[in-house]
PDB file of N, CA and C in Angstrom:
ATOM      1  N   MET A   1      14.574 -12.776  21.874  1.00  0.00           N
ATOM      2  CA  MET A   1      13.420 -12.859  22.814  1.00  0.00           C
ATOM      3  C   MET A   1      12.120 -11.994  21.880  1.00  0.00           C
ATOM      4  N   ARG A   2      12.729 -11.143  21.039  1.00  0.00           N
ATOM      5  CA  ARG A   2      11.719 -10.229  20.497  1.00  0.00           C
ATOM      6  C   ARG A   2      10.986 -11.026  19.491  1.00  0.00           C
ATOM      7  N   ASN A   3      11.587 -11.966  18.739  1.00  0.00           N
ATOM      8  CA  ASN A   3      10.541 -13.066  18.031  1.00  0.00           C
ATOM      9  C   ASN A   3       9.731 -13.809  18.782  1.00  0.00           C
ATOM     10  N   LYS A   4      10.553 -14.633  19.807  1.00  0.00           N
ATOM     11  CA  LYS A   4       9.574 -15.764  20.437  1.00  0.00           C
ATOM     12  C   LYS A   4       8.239 -14.888  21.446  1.00  0.00           C
ATOM     13  N   ILE A   5       8.362 -13.356  21.441  1.00  0.00           N
ATOM     14  CA  ILE A   5       7.095 -12.955  21.976  1.00  0.00           C
ATOM     15  C   ILE A   5       5.853 -12.840  21.064  1.00  0.00           C
ATOM     16  N   ARG A   6       6.692 -12.089  19.922  1.00  0.00           N
ATOM     17  CA  ARG A   6       5.747 -12.063  18.549  1.00  0.00           C
ATOM     18  C   ARG A   6       5.043 -13.020  18.262  1.00  0.00           C
ATOM     19  N   ASP A   7       5.821 -14.192  18.146  1.00  0.00           N
ATOM     20  CA  ASP A   7       5.501 -15.178  17.353  1.00  0.00           C
ATOM     21  C   ASP A   7       4.205 -16.063  18.713  1.00  0.00           C
ATOM     22  N   SER A   8       4.577 -15.607  19.674  1.00  0.00           N
ATOM     23  CA  SER A   8       3.606 -16.204  20.847  1.00  0.00           C
ATOM     24  C   SER A   8       2.309 -15.373  20.972  1.00  0.00           C
ATOM     25  N   LEU A   9       1.978 -13.945  20.241  1.00  0.00           N
ATOM     26  CA  LEU A   9       0.970 -12.985  20.667  1.00  0.00           C
ATOM     27  C   LEU A   9       0.350 -13.745  19.234  1.00  0.00           C
ATOM     28  N   PHE A  10       1.073 -13.852  18.154  1.00  0.00           N
ATOM     29  CA  PHE A  10       0.546 -14.423  17.009  1.00  0.00           C
ATOM     30  C   PHE A  10      -0.491 -15.742  17.131  1.00  0.00           C
ATOM     31  N   ARG A  11       0.304 -16.515  17.985  1.00  0.00           N
ATOM     32  CA  ARG A  11      -0.423 -18.100  17.777  1.00  0.00           C
ATOM     33  C   ARG A  11      -1.566 -17.568  18.724  1.00  0.00           C
ATOM     34  N   LEU A  12      -1.666 -16.330  20.142  1.00  0.00           N
ATOM     35  CA  LEU A  12      -2.500 -16.211  20.910  1.00  0.00           C
ATOM     36  C   LEU A  12      -3.701 -15.160  19.689  1.00  0.00           C
ATOM     37  N   ALA A  13      -3.340 -14.674  18.653  1.00  0.00           N
ATOM     38  CA  ALA A  13      -4.497 -14.306  18.214  1.00  0.00           C
ATOM     39  C   ALA A  13      -5.124 -14.869  16.666  1.00  0.00           C
ATOM     40  N   ARG A  14      -4.258 -15.731  16.378  1.00  0.00           N
ATOM     41  CA  ARG A  14      -4.245 -16.231  15.128  1.00  0.00           C
ATOM     42  C   ARG A  14      -5.910 -16.777  14.547  1.00  0.00           C
ATOM     43  N   LYS A  15      -6.978 -17.229  15.618  1.00  0.00           N
ATOM     44  CA  LYS A  15      -7.904 -17.506  15.405  1.00  0.00           C
ATOM     45  C   LYS A  15      -8.766 -16.520  15.283  1.00  0.00           C
ATOM     46  N   ASP A  16      -8.623 -15.669  16.228  1.00  0.00           N
ATOM     47  CA  ASP A  16      -9.643 -14.396  16.318  1.00  0.00           C
ATOM     48  C   ASP A  16      -8.813 -13.755  14.641  1.00  0.00           C
ATOM     49  N   VAL A  17      -7.729 -13.350  14.488  1.00  0.00           N
ATOM     50  CA  VAL A  17      -7.829 -12.644  12.919  1.00  0.00           C
ATOM     51  C   VAL A  17      -8.593 -13.358  11.973  1.00  0.00           C
ATOM     52  N   ILE A  18      -8.486 -14.961  11.609  1.00  0.00           N
ATOM     53  CA  ILE A  18      -8.774 -15.696  10.725  1.00  0.00           C
ATOM     54  C   ILE A  18     -10.603 -15.501  11.028  1.00  0.00           C
ATOM     55  N   ASP A  19     -10.804 -15.058  12.253  1.00  0.00           N
ATOM     56  CA  ASP A  19     -12.670 -14.984  12.449  1.00  0.00           C
ATOM     57  C   ASP A  19     -13.112 -13.867  11.477  1.00  0.00           C
ATOM     58  N   PHE A  20     -11.759 -12.435  11.877  1.00  0.00           N
ATOM     59  CA  PHE A  20     -12.359 -11.288  11.543  1.00  0.00           C
ATOM     60  C   PHE A  20     -12.181 -11.228  10.026  1.00  0.00           C
ATOM     61  N   LEU A  21     -11.458 -11.885   9.558  1.00  0.00           N
ATOM     62  CA  LEU A  21     -11.186 -11.821   8.140  1.00  0.00           C
ATOM     63  C   LEU A  21     -12.310 -12.821   7.458  1.00  0.00           C
ATOM     64  N   ASN A  22     -13.185 -13.673   7.794  1.00  0.00           N
ATOM     65  CA  ASN A  22     -14.067 -14.361   7.817  1.00  0.00           C
ATOM     66  C   ASN A  22     -15.310 -13.390   7.844  1.00  0.00           C
ATOM     67  N   ASP A  23     -15.263 -12.429   8.755  1.00  0.00           N
ATOM     68  CA  ASP A  23     -16.570 -11.957   9.201  1.00  0.00           C
ATOM     69  C   ASP A  23     -16.324 -11.065   8.362  1.00  0.00           C
ATOM     70  N   HIS A  24     -15.551 -10.228   7.964  1.00  0.00           N
ATOM     71  CA  HIS A  24     -15.580  -9.286   6.948  1.00  0.00           C
ATOM     72  C   HIS A  24     -14.656  -9.305   5.751  1.00  0.00           C
ATOM     73  N   GLU A  25     -15.120 -10.341   5.159  1.00  0.00           N
ATOM     74  CA  GLU A  25     -14.543 -10.608   3.818  1.00  0.00           C
ATOM     75  C   GLU A  25     -15.704  -9.892   2.778  1.00  0.00           C
ATOM     76  N   GLU A  26     -16.888  -9.796   2.737  1.00  0.00           N
ATOM     77  CA  GLU A  26     -17.316  -9.060   1.703  1.00  0.00           C
ATOM     78  C   GLU A  26     -17.347  -7.599   1.904  1.00  0.00           C
ATOM     79  N   ASP A  27     -16.968  -7.164   2.926  1.00  0.00           N
ATOM     80  CA  ASP A  27     -16.678  -5.661   3.377  1.00  0.00           C
ATOM     81  C   ASP A  27     -15.284  -5.160   2.636  1.00  0.00           C
ATOM     82  N   LEU A  28     -14.330  -6.206   2.722  1.00  0.00           N
ATOM     83  CA  LEU A  28     -12.649  -6.051   2.148  1.00  0.00           C
ATOM     84  C   LEU A  28     -13.022  -6.266   0.642  1.00  0.00           C
ATOM     85  N   LEU A  29     -13.640  -7.373   0.221  1.00  0.00           N
ATOM     86  CA  LEU A  29     -14.248  -7.632  -1.465  1.00  0.00           C
ATOM     87  C   LEU A  29     -14.797  -6.509  -2.134  1.00  0.00           C
ATOM     88  N   GLN A  30     -15.622  -5.664  -0.957  1.00  0.00           N
ATOM     89  CA  GLN A  30     -16.536  -4.654  -1.630  1.00  0.00           C
ATOM     90  C   GLN A  30     -15.197  -3.526  -2.173  1.00  0.00           C
ATOM     91  N   ILE A  31     -14.138  -3.157  -1.034  1.00  0.00           N
ATOM     92  CA  ILE A  31     -13.463  -1.873  -0.914  1.00  0.00           C
ATOM     93  C   ILE A  31     -12.729  -2.206  -2.177  1.00  0.00           C
ATOM     94  N   PHE A  32     -12.086  -3.786  -2.404  1.00  0.00           N
ATOM     95  CA  PHE A  32     -11.456  -3.814  -3.162  1.00  0.00           C
ATOM     96  C   PHE A  32     -11.577  -3.758  -4.863  1.00  0.00           C
ATOM     97  N   ARG A  33     -13.119  -4.095  -4.974  1.00  0.00           N
ATOM     98  CA  ARG A  33     -13.572  -4.104  -6.255  1.00  0.00           C
ATOM     99  C   ARG A  33     -13.411  -2.772  -6.848  1.00  0.00           C
ATOM    100  N   GLU A  34     -14.173  -1.622  -5.696  1.00  0.00           N
ATOM    101  CA  GLU A  34     -13.906  -0.353  -5.767  1.00  0.00           C
ATOM    102  C   GLU A  34     -12.635   0.088  -5.999  1.00  0.00           C
ATOM    103  N   GLU A  35     -11.833  -0.246  -5.793  1.00  0.00           N
ATOM    104  CA  GLU A  35      -9.957   0.515  -6.092  1.00  0.00           C
ATOM    105  C   GLU A  35      -9.709  -0.333  -7.255  1.00  0.00           C
ATOM    106  N   LEU A  36     -10.374  -1.874  -8.006  1.00  0.00           N
ATOM    107  CA  LEU A  36      -9.884  -2.189  -9.126  1.00  0.00           C
ATOM    108  C   LEU A  36     -10.507  -1.379 -10.149  1.00  0.00           C
ATOM    109  N   LYS A  37     -12.393  -0.678  -9.588  1.00  0.00           N
ATOM    110  CA  LYS A  37     -12.722   0.285 -10.654  1.00  0.00           C
ATOM    111  C   LYS A  37     -12.295   1.218 -11.350  1.00  0.00           C
ATOM    112  N   ALA A  38     -11.703   1.924  -9.894  1.00  0.00           N
ATOM    113  CA  ALA A  38     -11.073   2.924 -10.312  1.00  0.00           C
ATOM    114  C   ALA A  38      -9.646   2.868 -11.049  1.00  0.00           C
ATOM    115  N   VAL A  39      -8.896   1.640 -10.663  1.00  0.00           N
ATOM    116  CA  VAL A  39      -7.359   1.352 -11.652  1.00  0.00           C
ATOM    117  C   VAL A  39      -8.169   1.494 -12.990  1.00  0.00           C
ATOM    118  N   ASP A  40      -9.179   0.402 -13.381  1.00  0.00           N
ATOM    119  CA  ASP A  40      -9.700  -0.281 -14.455  1.00  0.00           C
ATOM    120  C   ASP A  40      -9.909   1.074 -15.136  1.00  0.00           C
ATOM    121  N   ASP A  41     -10.566   2.257 -14.882  1.00  0.00           N
ATOM    122  CA  ASP A  41     -11.155   3.549 -15.306  1.00  0.00           C
ATOM    123  C   ASP A  41      -9.922   4.544 -15.719  1.00  0.00           C
ATOM    124  N   ARG A  42      -8.790   4.434 -14.741  1.00  0.00           N
ATOM    125  CA  ARG A  42      -8.080   5.028 -14.847  1.00  0.00           C
ATOM    126  C   ARG A  42      -6.978   4.671 -16.418  1.00  0.00           C
ATOM    127  N   ILE A  43      -6.799   3.360 -16.651  1.00  0.00           N
ATOM    128  CA  ILE A  43      -6.214   3.034 -17.755  1.00  0.00           C
ATOM    129  C   ILE A  43      -7.089   2.864 -19.043  1.00  0.00           C
ATOM    130  N   PRO A  44      -6.423   3.656 -20.053  1.00  0.00           N
ATOM    131  CA  PRO A  44      -7.164   3.608 -21.079  1.00  0.00           C
ATOM    132  C   PRO A  44      -6.943   2.440 -22.090  1.00  0.00           C
ATOM    133  N   GLU A  45      -8.294   1.970 -22.595  1.00  0.00           N
ATOM    134  CA  GLU A  45      -7.994   0.419 -22.855  1.00  0.00           C
ATOM    135  C   GLU A  45      -7.217   0.635 -24.289  1.00  0.00           C
ATOM    136  N   GLU A  46      -6.699   1.512 -24.939  1.00  0.00           N
ATOM    137  CA  GLU A  46      -5.972   1.316 -25.665  1.00  0.00           C
ATOM    138  C   GLU A  46      -4.364   0.790 -25.539  1.00  0.00           C
ATOM    139  N   ASN A  47      -4.165   1.182 -24.238  1.00  0.00           N
ATOM    140  CA  ASN A  47      -2.930   0.800 -23.314  1.00  0.00           C
ATOM    141  C   ASN A  47      -2.911  -0.177 -23.085  1.00  0.00           C
ATOM    142  N   LEU A  48      -3.620  -1.133 -23.319  1.00  0.00           N
ATOM    143  CA  LEU A  48      -3.917  -2.298 -22.774  1.00  0.00           C
ATOM    144  C   LEU A  48      -3.342  -3.695 -23.567  1.00  0.00           C
ATOM    145  N   PHE A  49      -2.946  -4.372 -23.194  1.00  0.00           N
ATOM    146  CA  PHE A  49      -2.126  -5.592 -24.033  1.00  0.00           C
ATOM    147  C   PHE A  49      -3.595  -6.135 -24.867  1.00  0.00           C
ATOM    148  N   ILE A  50      -4.573  -6.767 -23.183  1.00  0.00           N
ATOM    149  CA  ILE A  50      -5.687  -7.438 -23.983  1.00  0.00           C
ATOM    150  C   ILE A  50      -6.291  -6.606 -23.098  1.00  0.00           C
ATOM    151  N   ASP A  51      -7.789  -6.574 -23.835  1.00  0.00           N
ATOM    152  CA  ASP A  51      -8.757  -6.200 -22.889  1.00  0.00           C
ATOM    153  C   ASP A  51      -9.137  -7.305 -21.179  1.00  0.00           C
ATOM    154  N   ILE A  52      -8.972  -6.483 -20.616  1.00  0.00           N
ATOM    155  CA  ILE A  52      -9.195  -7.830 -19.268  1.00  0.00           C
ATOM    156  C   ILE A  52     -10.522  -6.951 -17.881  1.00  0.00           C
ATOM    157  N   ARG A  53     -10.894  -7.304 -17.985  1.00  0.00           N
ATOM    158  CA  ARG A  53     -11.902  -6.631 -16.893  1.00  0.00           C
ATOM    159  C   ARG A  53     -11.112  -6.652 -15.726  1.00  0.00           C
ATOM    160  N   MET A  54     -11.203  -5.875 -14.933  1.00  0.00           N
ATOM    161  CA  MET A  54     -10.033  -5.939 -13.570  1.00  0.00           C
ATOM    162  C   MET A  54     -10.959  -6.212 -12.615  1.00  0.00           C
ATOM    163  N   VAL A  55     -12.321  -5.746 -12.344  1.00  0.00           N
ATOM    164  CA  VAL A  55     -12.602  -6.159 -11.192  1.00  0.00           C
ATOM    165  C   VAL A  55     -13.005  -7.893 -10.996  1.00  0.00           C
ATOM    166  N   PRO A  56     -13.734  -8.544 -12.092  1.00  0.00           N
ATOM    167  CA  PRO A  56     -13.701  -9.920 -11.714  1.00  0.00           C
ATOM    168  C   PRO A  56     -12.588 -10.592 -11.443  1.00  0.00           C
ATOM    169  N   LEU A  57     -11.388 -10.179 -12.120  1.00  0.00           N
ATOM    170  CA  LEU A  57      -9.819 -10.550 -11.790  1.00  0.00           C
ATOM    171  C   LEU A  57      -9.464 -10.325 -10.800  1.00  0.00           C
ATOM    172  N   GLY A  58      -9.284  -9.440 -10.346  1.00  0.00           N
ATOM    173  CA  GLY A  58      -8.744  -9.082  -9.215  1.00  0.00           C
ATOM    174  C   GLY A  58      -9.864  -9.685  -7.940  1.00  0.00           C
ATOM    175  N   GLU A  59     -11.138  -9.432  -8.100  1.00  0.00           N
ATOM    176  CA  GLU A  59     -12.030 -10.011  -7.038  1.00  0.00           C
ATOM    177  C   GLU A  59     -11.288 -11.409  -7.226  1.00  0.00           C
ATOM    178  N   GLU A  60     -11.407 -12.374  -7.900  1.00  0.00           N
ATOM    179  CA  GLU A  60     -10.866 -13.602  -7.649  1.00  0.00           C
ATOM    180  C   GLU A  60      -9.281 -13.954  -7.137  1.00  0.00           C
ATOM    181  N   LEU A  61      -8.419 -12.792  -7.376  1.00  0.00           N
ATOM    182  CA  LEU A  61      -7.208 -12.791  -6.985  1.00  0.00           C
ATOM    183  C   LEU A  61      -7.290 -12.702  -5.487  1.00  0.00           C
ATOM    184  N   MET A  62      -8.100 -11.748  -5.270  1.00  0.00           N
ATOM    185  CA  MET A  62      -8.216 -11.152  -3.594  1.00  0.00           C
ATOM    186  C   MET A  62      -8.919 -12.641  -2.898  1.00  0.00           C
ATOM    187  N   LEU A  63      -9.813 -13.214  -3.629  1.00  0.00           N
ATOM    188  CA  LEU A  63     -10.222 -14.233  -2.699  1.00  0.00           C
ATOM    189  C   LEU A  63      -9.120 -15.548  -2.429  1.00  0.00           C
ATOM    190  N   ALA A  64      -8.085 -15.802  -3.649  1.00  0.00           N
ATOM    191  CA  ALA A  64      -7.163 -16.154  -3.501  1.00  0.00           C
ATOM    192  C   ALA A  64      -5.813 -15.784  -2.471  1.00  0.00           C
ATOM    193  N   VAL A  65      -5.688 -14.716  -2.584  1.00  0.00           N
ATOM    194  CA  VAL A  65      -4.895 -14.158  -1.452  1.00  0.00           C
ATOM    195  C   VAL A  65      -5.224 -14.449   0.447  1.00  0.00           C
ATOM    196  N   LEU A  66      -6.671 -14.131   0.609  1.00  0.00           N
ATOM    197  CA  LEU A  66      -7.466 -13.960   1.560  1.00  0.00           C
ATOM    198  C   LEU A  66      -7.406 -15.669   1.698  1.00  0.00           C
ATOM    199  N   SER A  67      -7.577 -16.850   1.038  1.00  0.00           N
ATOM    200  CA  SER A  67      -7.604 -18.061   1.653  1.00  0.00           C
ATOM    201  C   SER A  67      -6.153 -18.589   1.800  1.00  0.00           C
ATOM    202  N   ALA A  68      -5.293 -17.924   1.259  1.00  0.00           N
ATOM    203  CA  ALA A  68      -3.898 -18.191   1.517  1.00  0.00           C
ATOM    204  C   ALA A  68      -3.259 -17.385   2.705  1.00  0.00           C
ATOM    205  N   LEU A  69      -3.975 -16.403   3.007  1.00  0.00           N
ATOM    206  CA  LEU A  69      -3.610 -15.726   4.602  1.00  0.00           C
ATOM    207  C   LEU A  69      -4.454 -16.815   5.477  1.00  0.00           C
ATOM    208  N   LYS A  70      -5.425 -17.297   5.294  1.00  0.00           N
ATOM    209  CA  LYS A  70      -6.170 -17.915   6.208  1.00  0.00           C
ATOM    210  C   LYS A  70      -5.593 -19.234   6.570  1.00  0.00           C
ATOM    211  N   ARG A  71      -5.317 -19.840   5.212  1.00  0.00           N
ATOM    212  CA  ARG A  71      -4.328 -21.570   5.504  1.00  0.00           C
ATOM    213  C   ARG A  71      -3.387 -21.165   6.124  1.00  0.00           C
ATOM    214  N   PHE A  72      -1.919 -20.270   5.813  1.00  0.00           N
ATOM    215  CA  PHE A  72      -1.092 -19.816   6.392  1.00  0.00           C
ATOM    216  C   PHE A  72      -1.129 -19.799   8.299  1.00  0.00           C
ATOM    217  N   MET A  73      -2.318 -18.946   8.430  1.00  0.00           N
ATOM    218  CA  MET A  73      -2.047 -18.883   9.836  1.00  0.00           C
ATOM    219  C   MET A  73      -2.556 -19.783  10.420  1.00  0.00           C
ATOM    220  N   GLN A  74      -3.321 -20.600   9.911  1.00  0.00           N
ATOM    221  CA  GLN A  74      -3.974 -21.956  10.393  1.00  0.00           C
ATOM    222  C   GLN A  74      -2.598 -23.225  10.466  1.00  0.00           C
ATOM    223  N   GLU A  75      -1.835 -22.885   9.956  1.00  0.00           N
ATOM    224  CA  GLU A  75      -0.692 -23.785   9.314  1.00  0.00           C
ATOM    225  C   GLU A  75       0.478 -23.662  10.183  1.00  0.00           C
ATOM    226  N   VAL A  76       0.822 -22.555  10.496  1.00  0.00           N
ATOM    227  CA  VAL A  76       2.429 -21.919  10.909  1.00  0.00           C
ATOM    228  C   VAL A  76       1.896 -22.478  12.659  1.00  0.00           C
TER     229      VAL A  76
END
């Protein structure tokens, strides 16, 4: 019973959640960039196996995650 209620609520809110993610995507990316920059600054370069710029890589990963979430919400 609880799962049915949760699933019904999700179906009702799905479009709003997708719209919210679309409306605030740049804000989320900016926060994510800042957090990745902090991670990048904390890790000494000599401890890295290869020189990776975390922010551009993380941004691409975040965009992929957002796309996957939106796609999942649309297809479920």
